[in-house]
C-alpha cells in the first residue's frame, strides 16, 4: 500500500547539473581488461575464490576473465567490500547484494553484472543506434554490452541530476555496474504492479512529473510501465534505465508515446480518467534540453 503522505519530489542538482555528455562515454580497454591480460598472482587468487563462491558457481560459463577483473578492480577501489546473495537473475544480467563503503562507513549496494555472451544483442542495438553518445559502436557483441552498461550508468546519473528518484549510480567497470540498493533482499522493494495504490492521483502526479523531468533533461525511458517503477519507504523509484535514449534518438518519440500509453493504461485501471495524449502533452510541454539541464523557471512544475 502506498502512503501518499510520504510522497515528495527530489530537488534538482543545480550545482552539478549535467553538461553535454555525448562524448564522455568510452568503451575502449579498461583497467579490468589490462588486469585480465596480466593475470598476476593476486588477481588469479581472487578469481579462483570468486568462482568457488556458492553464488557464482552457476556463472562460470558466462563470466569471462575480464568480468572477474572488473569486479576485482571495483573491490580494489573500495566500491565493493563483500558479496552477498543474488537479488535477481535474468537472461541479460544478474544483480547481487553486496557490501560497499561510503565516507568510511559501510552500506548495502547492488552489483549488476551484464553477461557478455547471453545478452540480447539485437535489442540492445535498437536502443544504441541513433544515440549520439554511441556513434561508432560497431557490431562487436562485447563492445555493445560494454556500451550498454556505460549507458545505464550515464542515464542514472543524468536522471538523478534532473531530480528523478532512481537508484544512485556509484561506479561502473566494464560490464559491472554498482548502484544504490533500494530495499534489502529480505525486504525487497515492490514493483508498482504489485502494490495496492492507495492514492492513485498522487502516484500519477509523481510519475508524470518524473517523465517530464527526464524529457526536459534530454532522456526518454523507453520501457516505462508499472513493472519498472518500485515503491520503498513511501518513495516511488524509477528503475531499469539501461535502454533509456536521448531525445536525439530516431525512435525517441515512438518510445515516449509507448511510455505514455503504458502509464496511462495502468492509472486508468486505478480509476483515473487519463489519456496517453494528455500525458504526452504534459511531458513535452517543457522543451527538452539535450545538455541535460532541465528548465525550472517556467512555474509549471511542483514545488521541490
Protein backbone atom coordinates (compact mmCIF):
# COMPACT_ATOMS: atom_id res chain seq x y z
CA UNK A 1 0.00 0.00 0.00
CA UNK A 2 1.34 3.44 -0.88
CA UNK A 3 1.22 6.11 1.80
CA UNK A 4 0.52 9.27 -0.14
CA UNK A 5 1.73 11.45 2.73
CA UNK A 6 5.28 10.21 2.20
CA UNK A 7 5.48 11.22 -1.45
CA UNK A 8 7.83 14.01 -2.36
CA UNK A 9 9.90 15.27 -5.23
CA UNK A 10 13.67 15.33 -5.39
CA UNK A 11 15.35 18.66 -5.83
CA UNK A 12 17.38 19.08 -8.97
CA UNK A 13 21.12 19.20 -8.55
CA UNK A 14 21.76 22.75 -9.75
CA UNK A 15 25.39 22.86 -8.68
CA UNK A 16 26.31 19.71 -10.57
CA UNK A 17 23.86 19.89 -13.44
CA UNK A 18 24.95 17.62 -16.28
CA UNK A 19 26.51 19.18 -19.30
CA UNK A 20 26.76 17.82 -22.80
CA UNK A 21 27.80 14.24 -22.07
CA UNK A 22 27.54 12.81 -25.56
CA UNK A 23 31.29 12.39 -25.99
CA UNK A 24 32.14 11.25 -22.46
CA UNK A 25 31.37 7.55 -22.77
CA UNK A 26 34.39 5.45 -23.64
CA UNK A 27 34.21 1.69 -24.21
CA UNK A 28 37.87 1.16 -25.05
CA UNK A 29 40.03 -1.16 -22.95
CA UNK A 30 39.70 -0.51 -19.24
CA UNK A 31 41.94 -1.36 -16.32
CA UNK A 32 39.91 -4.55 -15.94
CA UNK A 33 40.96 -5.68 -19.42
CA UNK A 34 44.57 -4.92 -18.63
CA UNK A 35 44.37 -6.79 -15.31
CA UNK A 36 42.81 -9.79 -17.06
CA UNK A 37 45.60 -9.81 -19.63
CA UNK A 38 48.30 -9.55 -16.96
CA UNK A 39 46.72 -12.28 -14.81
CA UNK A 40 49.01 -11.54 -11.90
CA UNK A 41 49.05 -13.92 -8.93
CA UNK A 42 46.83 -11.72 -6.74
CA UNK A 43 44.13 -11.48 -9.38
CA UNK A 44 44.29 -15.20 -10.13
CA UNK A 45 43.76 -16.00 -6.46
CA UNK A 46 40.83 -13.56 -6.30
CA UNK A 47 39.28 -15.08 -9.43
CA UNK A 48 39.54 -18.60 -8.01
CA UNK A 49 37.92 -17.56 -4.72
CA UNK A 50 35.08 -15.84 -6.54
CA UNK A 51 34.48 -18.78 -8.87
CA UNK A 52 34.32 -21.10 -5.86
CA UNK A 53 31.77 -18.93 -4.05
CA UNK A 54 28.31 -20.51 -4.00
CA UNK A 55 26.56 -17.51 -5.52
CA UNK A 56 28.88 -17.57 -8.55
CA UNK A 57 29.27 -21.27 -9.29
CA UNK A 58 26.47 -21.27 -11.88
CA UNK A 59 28.03 -18.29 -13.64
CA UNK A 60 31.39 -19.77 -14.52
CA UNK A 61 30.32 -20.46 -18.09
CA UNK A 62 29.31 -16.87 -18.84
CA UNK A 63 31.69 -14.69 -16.79
CA UNK A 64 34.96 -14.22 -18.63
CA UNK A 65 38.25 -13.28 -17.00
CA UNK A 66 37.74 -9.59 -17.76
CA UNK A 67 34.42 -9.65 -15.88
CA UNK A 68 36.14 -11.09 -12.83
CA UNK A 69 38.86 -8.49 -13.31
CA UNK A 70 36.21 -5.75 -13.36
CA UNK A 71 34.88 -7.00 -10.01
CA UNK A 72 38.45 -7.19 -8.73
CA UNK A 73 39.07 -3.57 -9.78
CA UNK A 74 35.86 -2.41 -8.04
CA UNK A 75 36.95 -4.24 -4.88
CA UNK A 76 40.41 -2.65 -5.09
CA UNK A 77 38.82 0.78 -5.49
CA UNK A 78 36.71 0.27 -2.36
CA UNK A 79 33.30 0.16 -4.05
CA UNK A 80 32.71 -3.47 -3.03
CA UNK A 81 33.71 -4.91 0.34
CA UNK A 82 31.96 -8.30 0.20
CA UNK A 83 29.37 -10.12 -1.89
CA UNK A 84 26.02 -11.40 -0.67
CA UNK A 85 23.48 -13.50 -2.49
CA UNK A 86 21.70 -12.84 -5.78
CA UNK A 87 18.78 -10.39 -5.80
CA UNK A 88 17.64 -11.30 -9.30
CA UNK A 89 18.83 -13.42 -12.19
CA UNK A 90 17.86 -12.75 -15.77
CA UNK A 91 18.77 -13.56 -19.33
CA UNK A 92 20.94 -10.46 -19.71
CA UNK A 93 22.16 -9.64 -16.21
CA UNK A 94 22.34 -10.84 -12.63
CA UNK A 95 22.02 -8.47 -9.68
CA UNK A 96 23.75 -9.24 -6.38
CA UNK A 97 23.55 -7.73 -2.96
CA UNK A 98 26.94 -6.55 -1.76
CA UNK A 99 28.55 -4.55 0.98
CA UNK A 100 30.04 -1.28 -0.15
CA UNK A 101 31.55 1.71 1.57
CA UNK A 102 30.95 5.46 1.57
CA UNK A 103 32.82 8.04 3.63
CA UNK A 104 34.44 5.25 5.67
CA UNK A 105 31.04 3.73 6.55
CA UNK A 106 29.60 0.51 5.19
CA UNK A 107 26.37 0.35 3.22
CA UNK A 108 24.49 -2.19 1.14
CA UNK A 109 24.80 -1.82 -2.62
CA UNK A 110 23.54 -3.64 -5.69
CA UNK A 111 26.02 -5.07 -8.21
CA UNK A 112 24.55 -5.60 -11.67
CA UNK A 113 26.63 -7.86 -13.93
CA UNK A 114 25.73 -8.00 -17.61
CA UNK A 115 26.50 -11.26 -19.37
CA UNK A 116 28.66 -10.74 -22.42
CA UNK A 117 27.62 -14.00 -24.07
CA UNK A 118 23.93 -14.08 -23.15
CA UNK A 119 22.70 -10.51 -23.58
CA UNK A 120 20.08 -9.65 -26.19
CA UNK A 121 22.41 -8.13 -28.75
CA UNK A 122 19.73 -7.14 -31.28
CA UNK A 123 17.52 -5.41 -28.73
CA UNK A 124 20.50 -3.51 -27.33
CA UNK A 125 21.43 -2.37 -30.82
CA UNK A 126 17.91 -0.96 -31.32
CA UNK A 127 18.36 1.38 -28.37
CA UNK A 128 22.03 2.25 -29.01
CA UNK A 129 21.75 3.05 -32.72
CA UNK A 130 20.95 6.71 -33.22
CA UNK A 131 22.15 7.75 -29.76
CA UNK A 132 24.93 10.30 -30.41
CA UNK A 133 26.77 9.10 -27.30
CA UNK A 134 27.45 5.78 -29.04
CA UNK A 135 28.34 6.75 -32.58
CA UNK A 136 30.97 4.41 -33.92
CA UNK A 137 29.90 1.38 -31.86
CA UNK A 138 30.18 -1.49 -34.29
CA UNK A 139 28.62 -4.94 -34.35
CA UNK A 140 31.03 -6.47 -31.87
CA UNK A 141 28.84 -8.02 -29.17
CA UNK A 142 31.29 -7.31 -26.36
CA UNK A 143 31.50 -3.63 -27.30
CA UNK A 144 27.71 -3.35 -27.43
CA UNK A 145 27.28 -4.86 -23.95
CA UNK A 146 30.03 -2.65 -22.52
CA UNK A 147 28.40 0.39 -24.12
CA UNK A 148 25.04 -0.64 -22.67
CA UNK A 149 26.50 -0.81 -19.15
CA UNK A 150 28.12 2.59 -19.54
CA UNK A 151 24.83 3.90 -20.92
CA UNK A 152 22.87 2.74 -17.87
CA UNK A 153 25.37 4.45 -15.55
CA UNK A 154 25.18 7.69 -17.56
CA UNK A 155 21.37 7.59 -17.71
CA UNK A 156 21.07 7.06 -13.95
CA UNK A 157 23.44 9.97 -13.32
CA UNK A 158 21.52 12.27 -15.66
CA UNK A 159 18.15 11.28 -14.20
CA UNK A 160 19.27 11.91 -10.61
CA UNK A 161 20.68 15.31 -11.51
CA UNK A 162 17.33 16.15 -13.12
CA UNK A 163 15.54 15.40 -9.85
CA UNK A 164 14.17 11.96 -10.74
CA UNK A 165 14.29 9.33 -7.98
CA UNK A 166 16.36 6.49 -9.40
CA UNK A 167 18.97 4.23 -7.77
CA UNK A 168 22.14 6.23 -7.19
CA UNK A 169 24.88 5.11 -9.59
CA UNK A 170 28.13 4.51 -7.71
CA UNK A 171 30.69 3.03 -10.09
CA UNK A 172 30.97 1.22 -13.39
CA UNK A 173 33.74 -1.01 -14.69
CA UNK A 174 33.39 -2.80 -17.99
CA UNK A 175 30.14 -4.85 -17.76
CA UNK A 176 29.70 -4.39 -13.99
CA UNK A 177 27.57 -1.61 -12.51
CA UNK A 178 27.49 -0.74 -8.79
CA UNK A 179 24.50 1.25 -7.61
CA UNK A 180 22.35 2.01 -4.60
CA UNK A 181 20.42 -0.96 -3.26
CA UNK A 182 16.79 0.14 -2.89
CA UNK A 183 15.38 -2.15 -0.21
CA UNK A 184 17.01 -5.33 1.04
CA UNK A 185 16.84 -8.92 -0.11
CA UNK A 186 14.69 -9.83 2.89
CA UNK A 187 12.59 -6.66 2.46
CA UNK A 188 12.70 -6.05 -1.25
CA UNK A 189 11.09 -3.03 -2.83
CA UNK A 190 7.80 -3.86 -4.55
CA UNK A 191 7.01 -3.04 -8.14
CA UNK A 192 4.13 -0.64 -8.66
CA UNK A 193 2.24 -3.53 -10.27
CA UNK A 194 2.48 -5.49 -7.01
CA UNK A 195 1.08 -2.95 -4.53
CA UNK A 196 -2.32 -1.53 -3.75
CA UNK A 197 -2.20 2.10 -4.82
CA UNK A 198 -3.99 3.91 -2.02
CA UNK A 199 -3.86 7.33 -3.68
CA UNK A 200 -3.54 6.89 -7.45
CA UNK A 201 -3.91 10.63 -8.10
CA UNK A 202 -0.76 11.41 -6.12
CA UNK A 203 1.14 8.48 -7.62
CA UNK A 204 0.20 9.60 -11.13
CA UNK A 205 1.37 13.16 -10.41
CA UNK A 206 4.75 11.82 -9.30
CA UNK A 207 5.14 9.55 -12.31
CA UNK A 208 4.19 12.17 -14.89
CA UNK A 209 6.46 14.77 -13.27
CA UNK A 210 9.36 12.33 -13.36
CA UNK A 211 8.65 11.61 -17.01
CA UNK A 212 8.63 15.34 -17.67
CA UNK A 213 11.90 15.88 -15.84
CA UNK A 214 13.54 13.06 -17.76
CA UNK A 215 12.38 14.52 -21.05
CA UNK A 216 13.45 18.03 -20.05
CA UNK A 217 16.90 16.58 -19.32
CA UNK A 218 17.02 15.07 -22.80
CA UNK A 219 16.06 11.48 -21.94
CA UNK A 220 13.19 9.10 -22.70
CA UNK A 221 12.89 5.99 -20.51
CA UNK A 222 11.78 3.79 -23.40
CA UNK A 223 10.30 0.94 -21.34
CA UNK A 224 8.32 2.68 -18.61
CA UNK A 225 5.44 0.80 -17.02
CA UNK A 226 4.22 -0.37 -13.62
CA UNK A 227 6.91 -3.07 -13.85
CA UNK A 228 9.81 -0.58 -14.00
CA UNK A 229 8.77 1.52 -11.02
CA UNK A 230 9.15 0.35 -7.44
CA UNK A 231 7.91 1.52 -4.05
CA UNK A 232 10.09 1.54 -0.95
CA UNK A 233 9.63 3.51 2.27
CA UNK A 234 6.92 5.60 0.63
CA UNK A 235 9.14 6.60 -2.30
CA UNK A 236 8.40 5.87 -5.93
CA UNK A 237 11.64 4.90 -7.67
CA UNK A 238 12.15 4.55 -11.44
CA UNK A 239 14.42 1.63 -12.35
CA UNK A 240 15.91 -0.11 -15.40
CA UNK A 241 17.26 2.87 -17.31
CA UNK A 242 19.66 0.86 -19.43
CA UNK A 243 17.51 1.27 -22.51
CA UNK A 244 16.72 4.99 -21.98
CA UNK A 245 17.59 7.04 -25.06
CA UNK A 246 18.31 10.68 -25.71
CA UNK A 247 15.76 12.89 -27.43
CA UNK A 248 18.07 12.77 -30.46
CA UNK A 249 17.37 9.07 -30.98
CA UNK A 250 15.36 8.49 -34.17
CA UNK A 251 12.81 6.42 -32.21
CA UNK A 252 12.64 8.72 -29.17
CA UNK A 253 9.12 9.97 -29.88
CA UNK A 254 7.84 6.46 -30.56
CA UNK A 255 9.36 5.24 -27.29
CA UNK A 256 7.92 8.21 -25.37
CA UNK A 257 4.43 7.67 -26.75
CA UNK A 258 4.67 4.00 -25.80
CA UNK A 259 5.70 5.00 -22.26
CA UNK A 260 2.70 7.35 -22.12
CA UNK A 261 0.33 4.60 -23.27
CA UNK A 262 1.67 2.17 -20.65
CA UNK A 263 1.45 4.68 -17.79
CA UNK A 264 -1.99 5.98 -18.80
CA UNK A 265 -3.32 2.43 -19.14
CA UNK A 266 -2.09 1.49 -15.66
CA UNK A 267 -3.58 4.50 -13.93
CA UNK A 268 -6.75 4.12 -15.98
CA UNK A 269 -7.11 0.73 -14.35
CA UNK A 270 -6.71 2.50 -11.00
CA UNK A 271 -9.84 4.53 -11.77
CA UNK A 272 -8.27 7.74 -13.10
CA UNK A 273 -9.56 9.44 -16.23
CA UNK A 274 -6.25 9.94 -18.01
CA UNK A 275 -5.24 9.55 -21.62
CA UNK A 276 -1.87 8.89 -23.20
CA UNK A 277 -2.23 12.01 -25.35
CA UNK A 278 -2.79 14.24 -22.32
CA UNK A 279 0.22 12.69 -20.63
CA UNK A 280 2.35 13.18 -23.75
CA UNK A 281 1.38 16.86 -23.92
CA UNK A 282 2.28 17.34 -20.24
CA UNK A 283 5.65 15.59 -20.57
CA UNK A 284 6.68 17.55 -23.65
CA UNK A 285 5.33 20.94 -22.51
CA UNK A 286 8.83 21.89 -21.33
CA UNK A 287 11.29 21.88 -24.21
CA UNK A 288 13.94 19.19 -23.90
CA UNK A 289 17.45 20.39 -23.20
CA UNK A 290 19.90 17.89 -24.73
CA UNK A 291 22.61 19.20 -22.41
CA UNK A 292 20.67 17.55 -19.61
CA UNK A 293 19.78 20.66 -17.59
CA UNK A 294 16.00 20.95 -17.11
CA UNK A 295 14.38 24.38 -17.16
CA UNK A 296 12.87 25.03 -13.76
CA UNK A 297 11.80 28.64 -14.35
CA UNK A 298 8.51 28.14 -16.16
CA UNK A 299 6.46 27.75 -12.97
CA UNK A 300 4.68 24.65 -14.24
CA UNK A 301 6.36 22.03 -12.07
CA UNK A 302 5.54 21.12 -8.48
CA UNK A 303 7.33 22.62 -5.54
CA UNK A 304 10.58 20.78 -4.82
